[in-house]
Each structure stands twice: as C-alpha cells, then as structure tokens.
C-alpha cells in the first residue's frame, strides 16, 4: 500500500513553503524600506500615484481591446 505522503509530496511541500517564505520576506523588506524613508515628499507621492493610475488605465484599455477582438 503506497502512502499519499511520499518524497515527492514532501519535496513539493518544502518548495511551496520556501516560496511563501521568500514572498513574505520580500514583502516585509519592501514595507520596512518604505517605512524607514525619512523624506516624505507629497508631490512625488502624487506624481507616482498618477503614473500608476495612468499605467493601469492603459492596461485596462489594452485588455478591453483584446476582449473585443
């Protein structure tokens, strides 16, 4: 009788945990980096936000055109 938990399952589980750990580590690093920035520039934040909105609008438009084709 073969077990449902074999070396392949354990290996996949370990890889999954490693991936999640890496993602959490990366996200935490980004959060801490943003939090430690001492020079808050509202104008730069607004510019960055507007650029992100513009980028998202362009992506949305491209997806809409793709769906309509």
Protein backbone atom coordinates (compact mmCIF):
# COMPACT_ATOMS: atom_id res chain seq x y z
CA UNK A 1 0.00 0.00 0.00
CA UNK A 2 1.50 3.30 -1.03
CA UNK A 3 1.29 6.30 1.21
CA UNK A 4 -0.24 9.52 -0.05
CA UNK A 5 2.66 11.32 1.61
CA UNK A 6 5.81 10.35 -0.23
CA UNK A 7 9.13 12.01 -1.03
CA UNK A 8 7.62 13.89 -3.96
CA UNK A 9 4.84 15.29 -1.77
CA UNK A 10 7.34 16.32 0.88
CA UNK A 11 9.56 17.95 -1.72
CA UNK A 12 6.65 19.88 -3.25
CA UNK A 13 5.51 20.94 0.23
CA UNK A 14 9.01 22.16 1.09
CA UNK A 15 9.26 24.10 -2.18
CA UNK A 16 5.88 25.67 -1.51
CA UNK A 17 6.92 26.75 1.97
CA UNK A 18 10.19 28.12 0.64
CA UNK A 19 8.33 30.12 -1.99
CA UNK A 20 5.88 31.54 0.54
CA UNK A 21 8.72 32.38 2.92
CA UNK A 22 10.55 34.20 0.12
CA UNK A 23 7.46 36.18 -0.83
CA UNK A 24 6.80 37.16 2.78
CA UNK A 25 10.42 38.16 3.23
CA UNK A 26 10.35 40.29 0.10
CA UNK A 27 7.09 41.97 1.10
CA UNK A 28 8.36 42.65 4.61
CA UNK A 29 11.56 44.14 3.22
CA UNK A 30 9.54 46.45 0.96
CA UNK A 31 7.30 47.53 3.84
CA UNK A 32 10.23 48.23 6.12
CA UNK A 33 12.05 50.13 3.39
CA UNK A 34 9.03 52.34 2.76
CA UNK A 35 8.53 52.89 6.49
CA UNK A 36 12.14 53.88 7.02
CA UNK A 37 12.17 56.56 4.33
CA UNK A 38 12.59 59.78 6.25
CA UNK A 39 11.96 62.27 3.45
CA UNK A 40 8.26 62.22 2.71
CA UNK A 41 7.53 64.18 -0.44
CA UNK A 42 3.79 64.56 -1.06
CA UNK A 43 4.38 65.92 -4.57
CA UNK A 44 6.45 62.88 -5.52
CA UNK A 45 3.81 60.58 -4.00
CA UNK A 46 1.09 62.28 -6.03
CA UNK A 47 3.16 62.03 -9.21
CA UNK A 48 3.83 58.35 -8.54
CA UNK A 49 0.13 57.70 -7.86
CA UNK A 50 -0.90 59.47 -11.06
CA UNK A 51 1.62 57.43 -13.05
CA UNK A 52 0.27 54.21 -11.55
CA UNK A 53 -3.28 55.25 -12.44
CA UNK A 54 -2.21 56.06 -15.99
CA UNK A 55 -0.43 52.71 -16.31
CA UNK A 56 -3.50 50.86 -15.02
CA UNK A 57 -5.77 52.77 -17.42
CA UNK A 58 -3.52 51.79 -20.34
CA UNK A 59 -3.54 48.14 -19.24
CA UNK A 60 -7.31 48.22 -18.86
CA UNK A 61 -7.73 49.73 -22.31
CA UNK A 62 -5.43 47.10 -23.85
CA UNK A 63 -7.38 44.30 -22.16
CA UNK A 64 -10.70 45.76 -23.30
CA UNK A 65 -9.43 45.94 -26.88
CA UNK A 66 -8.20 42.35 -26.62
CA UNK A 67 -11.59 41.16 -25.40
CA UNK A 68 -13.42 42.99 -28.18
CA UNK A 69 -11.26 41.44 -30.91
